[in-house]
Amino acid sequence: QLPAGLYKKVLVILHDSILPYMNEPTLMIDFLTLAYGVGGAISLLALNGLFILIHQHNLEYPDFYKKLYSLLDPSVYHVKYRARFFHLLDLFLSSSHLPAYLVAAFIKRLSRLALTAPPEALLMVIPFICNLFRRHPSCKVLVHRPNGPADISEDPYIMEEEEPSKSQALESSLWEIQTLQSHYHPEVAKAAAILNQSLSEMEDDISGLLELSAYELFDKEVKKKVTDVPLEFEQVRGLFGKKNDIFAEHFSLD
């Protein structure tokens, strides 16, 4: 049992400062799989090492995607390791051979959690979800479902289900992204509205959005040039502002 602080320090450097210099990196399988099961930030940091063992050393992890799915909780949009996590999540979901129900479950869970996410995270996750639709066209039924549930309470998706295959995500619809189209931040609302149109075949490059911070977002808005907005198109005359109003002949606003 290692202290949480030590776990984090080791896992942060494990993938590039330890594994490449080991004669048998597979010796770290037990350590990484146990760390992956701890939960929270430690599980997120263990992903880097597991990724190397899976892709370069043929590590088989039967419940890998089930565990990855369980890592999606409200904190993933707030932790300081968010960029690292979503970079790896993008890699793990890049294969076109993944079943539609699995990808749909990830799309639905990310969308549900996005309802409470900060704007800087939303500007990253919405293009991320769009890329998943481009890779897996069979999941577009989530967007184009004409006979979807009339009420949100009738959504068949089971958020609490830990097994992606039993979450009923493919039977659901993406009302969460439609809700974000009314977001208070105009850039988020604009990004969410993209799903109303047909998506281009070219994937969005999200690498520049992974580490977007609230400060950068605020700084960008402050530096925007604001033009004068006309408040009145014609001068008000009389009490009620109508041109040919009888009151305008007898009363004036001074």
Protein backbone atom coordinates (compact mmCIF):
# COMPACT_ATOMS: atom_id res chain seq x y z
CA GLN A 1 0.00 0.00 0.00
CA LEU A 2 1.66 3.20 -1.19
CA PRO A 3 0.69 6.72 -0.13
CA ALA A 4 -1.46 8.49 -2.74
CA GLY A 5 1.19 11.19 -3.22
CA LEU A 6 3.90 8.63 -4.00
CA TYR A 7 1.57 6.77 -6.37
CA LYS A 8 1.01 9.96 -8.35
CA LYS A 9 4.71 10.91 -8.49
CA VAL A 10 5.66 7.45 -9.81
CA LEU A 11 2.82 7.20 -12.34
CA VAL A 12 3.48 10.67 -13.78
CA ILE A 13 7.01 9.68 -14.88
CA LEU A 14 6.56 5.91 -15.31
CA HIS A 15 5.68 5.87 -19.03
CA ASP A 16 8.64 7.97 -20.27
CA SER A 17 11.31 7.79 -17.53
CA ILE A 18 11.04 4.20 -16.25
CA LEU A 19 9.40 1.76 -18.69
CA PRO A 20 11.67 2.57 -21.70
CA TYR A 21 14.76 1.72 -19.60
CA MET A 22 13.51 -1.60 -18.20
CA ASN A 23 14.64 -4.90 -19.74
CA GLU A 24 11.24 -6.41 -18.96
CA PRO A 25 8.55 -3.71 -18.78
CA THR A 26 5.94 -6.44 -18.35
CA LEU A 27 7.10 -6.74 -14.71
CA MET A 28 5.05 -3.57 -14.10
CA ILE A 29 1.79 -5.20 -15.19
CA ASP A 30 0.61 -6.05 -11.67
CA PHE A 31 1.57 -2.63 -10.31
CA LEU A 32 -0.22 -0.77 -13.10
CA THR A 33 -3.35 -2.91 -13.07
CA LEU A 34 -3.65 -2.46 -9.30
CA ALA A 35 -3.09 1.29 -9.65
CA TYR A 36 -5.72 1.35 -12.40
CA GLY A 37 -8.19 -0.14 -9.93
CA VAL A 38 -7.53 2.41 -7.17
CA GLY A 39 -9.83 5.01 -8.73
CA GLY A 40 -9.73 8.78 -9.12
CA ALA A 41 -6.59 10.59 -10.29
CA ILE A 42 -4.39 7.53 -9.68
CA SER A 43 -6.38 5.50 -12.21
CA LEU A 44 -6.14 8.33 -14.72
CA LEU A 45 -2.36 8.47 -14.34
CA ALA A 46 -2.03 4.67 -14.66
CA LEU A 47 -3.50 4.90 -18.17
CA ASN A 48 -0.20 6.08 -19.68
CA GLY A 49 1.73 3.02 -18.53
CA LEU A 50 -1.08 0.63 -19.43
CA PHE A 51 -1.28 2.14 -22.90
CA ILE A 52 2.40 1.29 -23.52
CA LEU A 53 2.02 -2.26 -22.20
CA ILE A 54 -1.14 -2.90 -24.24
CA HIS A 55 0.20 -1.52 -27.53
CA GLN A 56 3.87 -2.50 -27.31
CA HIS A 57 3.94 -5.57 -25.06
CA ASN A 58 0.63 -7.32 -25.89
CA LEU A 59 -0.92 -6.92 -22.45
CA GLU A 60 -4.44 -8.36 -22.40
CA TYR A 61 -6.86 -6.56 -20.09
CA PRO A 62 -10.38 -8.00 -20.60
CA ASP A 63 -12.26 -5.39 -18.56
CA PHE A 64 -10.16 -2.45 -19.75
CA TYR A 65 -12.99 -0.50 -21.44
CA LYS A 66 -15.41 -1.25 -18.61
CA LYS A 67 -12.93 0.27 -16.16
CA LEU A 68 -12.22 3.18 -18.51
CA TYR A 69 -15.96 3.84 -18.72
CA SER A 70 -16.24 3.85 -14.92
CA LEU A 71 -13.53 6.55 -14.73
CA LEU A 72 -15.91 9.00 -16.39
CA ASP A 73 -17.28 10.97 -13.46
CA PRO A 74 -17.84 14.73 -12.96
CA SER A 75 -14.22 15.22 -11.82
CA VAL A 76 -12.71 14.35 -15.24
CA TYR A 77 -13.59 17.85 -16.47
CA HIS A 78 -11.93 19.51 -13.49
CA VAL A 79 -8.75 17.54 -12.62
CA LYS A 80 -5.38 18.96 -13.63
CA TYR A 81 -4.65 15.71 -15.53
CA ARG A 82 -7.63 16.34 -17.85
CA ALA A 83 -5.50 16.89 -20.96
CA ARG A 84 -3.54 13.67 -20.43
CA PHE A 85 -6.73 11.67 -19.82
CA PHE A 86 -8.62 12.90 -22.88
CA HIS A 87 -5.55 12.46 -25.09
CA LEU A 88 -5.41 8.78 -24.11
CA LEU A 89 -9.20 8.39 -24.25
CA ASP A 90 -9.03 9.66 -27.82
CA LEU A 91 -6.42 7.00 -28.63
CA PHE A 92 -8.36 4.17 -27.01
CA LEU A 93 -11.54 5.11 -28.90
CA SER A 94 -9.79 5.62 -32.24
CA SER A 95 -10.25 2.06 -33.50
CA SER A 96 -13.09 1.61 -36.00
CA HIS A 97 -13.50 -1.99 -34.79
CA LEU A 98 -15.04 -1.01 -31.46
CA PRO A 99 -18.70 -2.06 -31.11
CA ALA A 100 -21.30 0.69 -31.57
CA TYR A 101 -22.87 0.12 -28.14
CA LEU A 102 -19.51 0.80 -26.44
CA VAL A 103 -18.81 4.07 -28.29
CA ALA A 104 -22.42 5.18 -27.81
CA ALA A 105 -22.07 4.59 -24.06
CA PHE A 106 -18.96 6.79 -23.93
CA ILE A 107 -20.66 9.51 -26.02
CA LYS A 108 -23.74 9.48 -23.83
CA ARG A 109 -21.83 9.51 -20.53
CA LEU A 110 -19.52 12.32 -21.68
CA SER A 111 -22.57 14.32 -22.80
CA ARG A 112 -24.42 13.80 -19.52
CA LEU A 113 -21.39 14.88 -17.49
CA ALA A 114 -20.96 17.89 -19.79
CA LEU A 115 -24.12 19.44 -18.34
CA THR A 116 -22.12 20.47 -15.25
CA ALA A 117 -18.73 21.04 -16.92
CA PRO A 118 -16.97 24.43 -17.16
CA PRO A 119 -16.90 26.22 -20.57
CA GLU A 120 -13.21 25.51 -21.24
CA ALA A 121 -13.87 21.76 -20.89
CA LEU A 122 -17.00 21.94 -23.06
CA LEU A 123 -15.10 23.59 -25.92
CA MET A 124 -12.85 20.52 -25.90
CA VAL A 125 -15.37 17.72 -25.33
CA ILE A 126 -17.93 18.78 -27.96
CA PRO A 127 -15.40 18.44 -30.86
CA PHE A 128 -14.23 15.23 -29.16
CA ILE A 129 -17.77 13.82 -29.38
CA CYS A 130 -18.08 15.00 -33.00
CA ASN A 131 -14.91 13.08 -33.84
CA LEU A 132 -16.41 9.92 -32.33
CA PHE A 133 -19.44 10.32 -34.61
CA ARG A 134 -17.12 10.65 -37.62
CA ARG A 135 -15.29 7.44 -36.71
CA HIS A 136 -18.44 5.51 -35.86
CA PRO A 137 -21.31 6.61 -38.16
CA SER A 138 -23.59 3.94 -36.66
CA CYS A 139 -23.77 6.07 -33.49
CA LYS A 140 -25.36 9.00 -35.36
CA VAL A 141 -28.73 7.49 -34.45
CA LEU A 142 -28.23 9.34 -31.14
CA VAL A 143 -28.56 12.63 -33.02
CA HIS A 144 -31.04 11.66 -35.75
CA ARG A 145 -33.76 9.94 -33.75
CA PRO A 146 -37.12 11.37 -34.89
CA ASN A 147 -39.16 9.32 -32.41
CA GLY A 148 -37.02 10.01 -29.36
CA PRO A 149 -38.41 10.32 -25.82
CA ALA A 150 -40.78 13.27 -25.43
CA ASP A 151 -39.61 13.86 -21.88
CA ILE A 152 -36.11 13.73 -20.40
CA SER A 153 -37.37 11.45 -17.63
CA GLU A 154 -38.14 8.84 -20.32
CA ASP A 155 -34.50 8.64 -21.45
CA PRO A 156 -33.69 4.89 -21.57
CA TYR A 157 -29.99 5.50 -20.86
CA ILE A 158 -28.96 4.17 -17.43
CA MET A 159 -26.26 6.48 -16.06
CA GLU A 160 -25.60 4.32 -12.98
CA GLU A 161 -24.93 1.16 -15.00
CA GLU A 162 -21.22 0.20 -14.83
CA GLU A 163 -21.39 -2.20 -17.80
CA PRO A 164 -21.46 -0.19 -21.08
CA SER A 165 -23.33 -2.98 -22.90
CA LYS A 166 -26.23 -2.72 -20.43
CA SER A 167 -26.47 1.10 -20.35
CA GLN A 168 -28.97 1.22 -23.27
CA ALA A 169 -27.07 4.18 -24.75
CA LEU A 170 -27.92 3.25 -28.37
CA GLU A 171 -31.64 3.47 -27.57
CA SER A 172 -31.22 7.01 -26.22
CA SER A 173 -30.86 10.44 -27.84
CA LEU A 174 -28.36 13.24 -27.36
CA TRP A 175 -30.64 15.80 -25.70
CA GLU A 176 -27.73 16.93 -23.51
CA ILE A 177 -25.89 18.50 -26.45
CA GLN A 178 -29.14 20.13 -27.58
CA THR A 179 -29.40 21.62 -24.09
CA LEU A 180 -25.87 23.02 -24.42
CA GLN A 181 -27.03 24.91 -27.53
CA SER A 182 -28.65 27.30 -25.02
CA HIS A 183 -25.48 27.62 -22.93
CA TYR A 184 -24.70 31.03 -21.43
CA HIS A 185 -21.29 31.09 -23.14
CA PRO A 186 -21.78 31.92 -26.85
CA GLU A 187 -18.76 29.88 -27.98
CA VAL A 188 -20.13 26.76 -26.28
CA ALA A 189 -23.59 27.29 -27.78
CA LYS A 190 -22.00 27.75 -31.22
CA ALA A 191 -19.90 24.58 -30.84
CA ALA A 192 -22.92 22.53 -29.73
CA ALA A 193 -24.97 23.77 -32.70
CA ILE A 194 -22.57 21.99 -35.11
CA LEU A 195 -24.47 18.74 -34.51
CA ASN A 196 -27.53 20.32 -36.15
CA GLN A 197 -25.61 20.21 -39.43
CA SER A 198 -24.05 17.34 -41.34
CA LEU A 199 -20.54 16.72 -40.03
CA SER A 200 -17.57 16.99 -42.36
CA GLU A 201 -15.45 13.90 -42.93
CA MET A 202 -12.31 15.59 -41.62
CA GLU A 203 -11.82 15.18 -37.88
CA ASP A 204 -11.38 18.24 -35.66
CA ASP A 205 -7.91 18.72 -34.20
CA ILE A 206 -8.49 18.83 -30.46
CA SER A 207 -4.81 18.89 -29.43
CA GLY A 208 -4.90 22.67 -28.97
CA LEU A 209 -8.06 22.47 -26.85
CA LEU A 210 -6.94 19.80 -24.36
CA GLU A 211 -5.16 22.28 -22.08
CA LEU A 212 -7.49 25.24 -22.62
CA SER A 213 -7.90 27.07 -19.29
CA ALA A 214 -10.53 29.41 -17.92
CA TYR A 215 -7.93 32.19 -17.88
CA GLU A 216 -7.19 31.78 -21.60
CA LEU A 217 -10.90 31.73 -22.38
CA PHE A 218 -11.50 34.90 -20.38
CA ASP A 219 -8.46 36.61 -21.90
CA LYS A 220 -9.69 35.80 -25.40
CA GLU A 221 -13.11 37.32 -24.69
CA VAL A 222 -11.61 40.46 -23.17
CA LYS A 223 -9.43 41.09 -26.23
CA LYS A 224 -12.34 40.86 -28.66
CA LYS A 225 -13.10 44.07 -30.50
CA VAL A 226 -16.65 45.16 -29.72
CA THR A 227 -18.42 47.36 -32.25
CA ASP A 228 -21.06 49.89 -31.22
CA VAL A 229 -24.48 48.31 -31.08
CA PRO A 230 -27.37 50.59 -32.16
CA LEU A 231 -30.08 50.66 -29.51
CA GLU A 232 -32.68 52.75 -31.41
CA PHE A 233 -33.23 52.89 -35.15
CA GLU A 234 -35.33 56.05 -35.09
CA GLN A 235 -35.80 58.77 -32.54
CA VAL A 236 -38.74 58.41 -30.18
CA ARG A 237 -41.55 60.95 -30.66
CA GLY A 238 -44.41 61.41 -28.24
CA LEU A 239 -45.37 59.27 -25.30
CA PHE A 240 -45.71 55.97 -27.15
CA GLY A 241 -43.03 56.38 -29.80
CA LYS A 242 -45.31 56.05 -32.83
CA LYS A 243 -44.80 58.32 -35.80
CA ASN A 244 -48.44 59.22 -36.51
CA ASP A 245 -49.65 58.99 -32.93
CA ILE A 246 -52.22 61.62 -31.93
CA PHE A 247 -50.47 61.98 -28.59
CA ALA A 248 -47.31 63.10 -30.42
CA GLU A 249 -49.20 66.19 -31.63
CA HIS A 250 -50.01 67.33 -28.10
CA PHE A 251 -47.24 65.90 -25.92
CA SER A 252 -43.47 65.78 -26.27
CA LEU A 253 -40.65 64.19 -24.29
CA ASP A 254 -38.15 66.74 -22.97
